[in-house]
Amino acid sequence: MNPIRTLGPAIVLGRYTSVWIYLVAPVAGMLIGALCNRVVRGSDAILAFLCGTKPTRAVAPRATPRAVGSLASSPHY
């Protein structure tokens, strides 16, 4: 499916009856792909199944990184 081969003549001729699919389908595909990515990456069991490993328990989130200049001014170092 080449959208330019459909959108170009549709714009020139003024016929927009079938153009909606070329505008809606990429956005819908992006949203479905983002949802699937979030589901797979958020579940250790699914990720372990896809990688062929045993599921592990959740890891604690890492601390937020410090700014470059804050390391030198930190009293802990």
N, C-alpha and C. Protein backbone atom coordinates (compact mmCIF):
# COMPACT_ATOMS: atom_id res chain seq x y z
N MET A 1 0.83 -1.17 0.00
CA MET A 1 0.00 0.00 0.00
C MET A 1 0.88 1.25 0.00
N ASN A 2 0.79 2.00 -1.04
CA ASN A 2 1.52 3.25 -1.15
C ASN A 2 0.51 4.39 -1.02
N PRO A 3 0.54 5.11 0.11
CA PRO A 3 -0.46 6.14 0.31
C PRO A 3 -0.37 7.29 -0.68
N ILE A 4 0.80 7.58 -1.20
CA ILE A 4 0.94 8.68 -2.15
C ILE A 4 0.19 8.37 -3.44
N ARG A 5 0.19 7.11 -3.86
CA ARG A 5 -0.52 6.74 -5.10
C ARG A 5 -2.03 6.89 -4.95
N THR A 6 -2.51 6.90 -3.71
CA THR A 6 -3.94 7.11 -3.48
C THR A 6 -4.24 8.56 -3.11
N LEU A 7 -3.41 9.15 -2.26
CA LEU A 7 -3.68 10.51 -1.80
C LEU A 7 -3.50 11.55 -2.90
N GLY A 8 -2.50 11.38 -3.74
CA GLY A 8 -2.26 12.34 -4.82
C GLY A 8 -3.46 12.49 -5.75
N PRO A 9 -3.92 11.41 -6.38
CA PRO A 9 -5.09 11.52 -7.25
C PRO A 9 -6.36 11.94 -6.50
N ALA A 10 -6.49 11.52 -5.23
CA ALA A 10 -7.68 11.90 -4.47
C ALA A 10 -7.72 13.41 -4.25
N ILE A 11 -6.57 14.01 -3.99
CA ILE A 11 -6.52 15.46 -3.78
C ILE A 11 -6.79 16.19 -5.09
N VAL A 12 -6.19 15.71 -6.19
CA VAL A 12 -6.38 16.38 -7.48
C VAL A 12 -7.83 16.29 -7.94
N LEU A 13 -8.44 15.11 -7.78
CA LEU A 13 -9.81 14.91 -8.24
C LEU A 13 -10.86 15.34 -7.23
N GLY A 14 -10.45 15.55 -5.98
CA GLY A 14 -11.41 15.96 -4.95
C GLY A 14 -12.27 14.84 -4.44
N ARG A 15 -11.84 13.61 -4.56
CA ARG A 15 -12.59 12.44 -4.08
C ARG A 15 -11.90 11.88 -2.84
N TYR A 16 -12.50 12.08 -1.69
CA TYR A 16 -11.88 11.67 -0.43
C TYR A 16 -12.62 10.53 0.26
N THR A 17 -13.34 9.71 -0.48
CA THR A 17 -14.16 8.67 0.15
C THR A 17 -13.32 7.56 0.77
N SER A 18 -12.22 7.17 0.17
CA SER A 18 -11.42 6.05 0.68
C SER A 18 -10.10 6.48 1.30
N VAL A 19 -9.91 7.76 1.48
CA VAL A 19 -8.63 8.26 1.98
C VAL A 19 -8.51 8.06 3.49
N TRP A 20 -9.61 7.96 4.21
CA TRP A 20 -9.56 7.88 5.67
C TRP A 20 -8.72 6.71 6.15
N ILE A 21 -8.71 5.60 5.44
CA ILE A 21 -7.96 4.42 5.89
C ILE A 21 -6.46 4.70 5.88
N TYR A 22 -6.00 5.53 4.96
CA TYR A 22 -4.57 5.86 4.90
C TYR A 22 -4.17 6.81 6.02
N LEU A 23 -5.12 7.50 6.60
CA LEU A 23 -4.84 8.39 7.71
C LEU A 23 -5.04 7.70 9.06
N VAL A 24 -6.01 6.81 9.15
CA VAL A 24 -6.35 6.16 10.42
C VAL A 24 -5.46 4.95 10.69
N ALA A 25 -5.15 4.16 9.68
CA ALA A 25 -4.43 2.90 9.88
C ALA A 25 -3.03 3.10 10.49
N PRO A 26 -2.20 4.05 10.04
CA PRO A 26 -0.89 4.20 10.68
C PRO A 26 -0.98 4.61 12.15
N VAL A 27 -1.93 5.46 12.48
CA VAL A 27 -2.08 5.89 13.88
C VAL A 27 -2.59 4.72 14.73
N ALA A 28 -3.54 3.97 14.22
CA ALA A 28 -4.06 2.81 14.95
C ALA A 28 -2.96 1.76 15.14
N GLY A 29 -2.18 1.51 14.11
CA GLY A 29 -1.07 0.56 14.23
C GLY A 29 -0.04 1.00 15.23
N MET A 30 0.26 2.29 15.28
CA MET A 30 1.21 2.82 16.25
C MET A 30 0.68 2.62 17.67
N LEU A 31 -0.58 2.91 17.90
CA LEU A 31 -1.15 2.76 19.23
C LEU A 31 -1.21 1.30 19.67
N ILE A 32 -1.57 0.41 18.77
CA ILE A 32 -1.60 -1.02 19.10
C ILE A 32 -0.19 -1.52 19.39
N GLY A 33 0.79 -1.10 18.59
CA GLY A 33 2.17 -1.50 18.83
C GLY A 33 2.71 -0.99 20.14
N ALA A 34 2.38 0.25 20.51
CA ALA A 34 2.82 0.81 21.79
C ALA A 34 2.17 0.07 22.95
N LEU A 35 0.91 -0.29 22.82
CA LEU A 35 0.24 -1.05 23.87
C LEU A 35 0.86 -2.43 24.03
N CYS A 36 1.13 -3.11 22.93
CA CYS A 36 1.77 -4.43 23.00
C CYS A 36 3.16 -4.32 23.61
N ASN A 37 3.91 -3.29 23.26
CA ASN A 37 5.24 -3.09 23.82
C ASN A 37 5.16 -2.90 25.33
N ARG A 38 4.21 -2.11 25.78
CA ARG A 38 4.07 -1.86 27.22
C ARG A 38 3.67 -3.13 27.96
N VAL A 39 2.79 -3.93 27.37
CA VAL A 39 2.35 -5.17 28.02
C VAL A 39 3.50 -6.17 28.11
N VAL A 40 4.25 -6.33 27.02
CA VAL A 40 5.34 -7.31 27.01
C VAL A 40 6.47 -6.88 27.94
N ARG A 41 6.85 -5.61 27.89
CA ARG A 41 7.96 -5.14 28.73
C ARG A 41 7.56 -5.03 30.19
N GLY A 42 6.29 -4.89 30.47
CA GLY A 42 5.84 -4.77 31.85
C GLY A 42 5.62 -6.09 32.55
N SER A 43 5.62 -7.18 31.84
CA SER A 43 5.37 -8.49 32.43
C SER A 43 6.63 -9.35 32.35
N ASP A 44 7.14 -9.73 33.51
CA ASP A 44 8.32 -10.58 33.55
C ASP A 44 8.03 -11.97 32.98
N ALA A 45 6.82 -12.48 33.19
CA ALA A 45 6.48 -13.82 32.70
C ALA A 45 6.47 -13.87 31.17
N ILE A 46 5.90 -12.86 30.53
CA ILE A 46 5.86 -12.83 29.07
C ILE A 46 7.26 -12.66 28.51
N LEU A 47 8.04 -11.77 29.11
CA LEU A 47 9.40 -11.54 28.65
C LEU A 47 10.26 -12.78 28.83
N ALA A 48 10.09 -13.49 29.94
CA ALA A 48 10.83 -14.72 30.17
C ALA A 48 10.43 -15.80 29.16
N PHE A 49 9.13 -15.87 28.84
CA PHE A 49 8.67 -16.84 27.85
C PHE A 49 9.28 -16.55 26.48
N LEU A 50 9.29 -15.28 26.10
CA LEU A 50 9.84 -14.91 24.79
C LEU A 50 11.35 -15.14 24.72
N CYS A 51 12.05 -14.96 25.84
CA CYS A 51 13.50 -15.13 25.86
C CYS A 51 13.92 -16.55 26.20
N GLY A 52 12.99 -17.38 26.64
CA GLY A 52 13.30 -18.77 26.97
C GLY A 52 13.99 -18.92 28.32
N THR A 53 13.74 -18.01 29.24
CA THR A 53 14.34 -18.10 30.58
C THR A 53 13.25 -18.20 31.62
N LYS A 54 13.66 -18.39 32.87
CA LYS A 54 12.70 -18.44 33.97
C LYS A 54 12.34 -17.02 34.39
N PRO A 55 11.09 -16.80 34.79
CA PRO A 55 10.72 -15.46 35.24
C PRO A 55 11.44 -15.11 36.54
N THR A 56 11.83 -13.86 36.65
CA THR A 56 12.48 -13.39 37.86
C THR A 56 11.56 -12.45 38.59
N ARG A 57 11.87 -12.19 39.84
CA ARG A 57 11.03 -11.26 40.58
C ARG A 57 11.41 -9.83 40.22
N ALA A 58 10.55 -8.92 40.55
CA ALA A 58 10.75 -7.53 40.16
C ALA A 58 11.99 -6.95 40.83
N VAL A 59 12.69 -6.13 40.12
CA VAL A 59 13.88 -5.47 40.62
C VAL A 59 13.48 -4.07 41.07
N ALA A 60 14.06 -3.63 42.19
CA ALA A 60 13.75 -2.30 42.70
C ALA A 60 14.22 -1.24 41.71
N PRO A 61 13.48 -0.18 41.56
CA PRO A 61 13.89 0.87 40.61
C PRO A 61 15.18 1.54 41.06
N ARG A 62 15.99 1.92 40.08
CA ARG A 62 17.26 2.59 40.38
C ARG A 62 17.01 4.03 40.77
N ALA A 63 17.96 4.58 41.51
CA ALA A 63 17.86 5.98 41.91
C ALA A 63 18.01 6.86 40.68
N THR A 64 17.45 8.02 40.74
CA THR A 64 17.56 8.94 39.61
C THR A 64 19.00 9.42 39.48
N PRO A 65 19.50 9.56 38.27
CA PRO A 65 20.89 10.00 38.09
C PRO A 65 21.06 11.45 38.51
N ARG A 66 22.25 11.75 38.99
CA ARG A 66 22.55 13.10 39.43
C ARG A 66 23.01 13.93 38.25
N ALA A 67 22.93 15.22 38.43
CA ALA A 67 23.44 16.13 37.42
C ALA A 67 24.97 16.06 37.43
N VAL A 68 25.60 16.46 36.36
CA VAL A 68 27.05 16.34 36.21
C VAL A 68 27.77 17.14 37.29
N GLY A 69 27.36 18.35 37.57
CA GLY A 69 28.05 19.19 38.53
C GLY A 69 27.76 18.83 39.98
N SER A 70 26.71 18.05 40.24
CA SER A 70 26.36 17.76 41.63
C SER A 70 27.29 16.74 42.27
N LEU A 71 28.02 15.97 41.50
CA LEU A 71 28.92 14.97 42.07
C LEU A 71 30.06 15.64 42.82
N ALA A 72 30.62 16.70 42.28
CA ALA A 72 31.73 17.38 42.94
C ALA A 72 31.27 18.15 44.17
N SER A 73 30.05 18.64 44.18
CA SER A 73 29.58 19.44 45.31
C SER A 73 28.88 18.58 46.37
N SER A 74 28.79 17.28 46.18
CA SER A 74 28.12 16.41 47.12
C SER A 74 28.99 16.21 48.37
N PRO A 75 28.42 16.30 49.57
CA PRO A 75 29.22 16.13 50.79
C PRO A 75 29.62 14.68 51.03
N HIS A 76 29.03 13.73 50.30
CA HIS A 76 29.32 12.32 50.52
C HIS A 76 30.59 11.85 49.82
N TYR A 77 31.17 12.63 48.95
CA TYR A 77 32.35 12.20 48.21
C TYR A 77 33.56 13.02 48.54
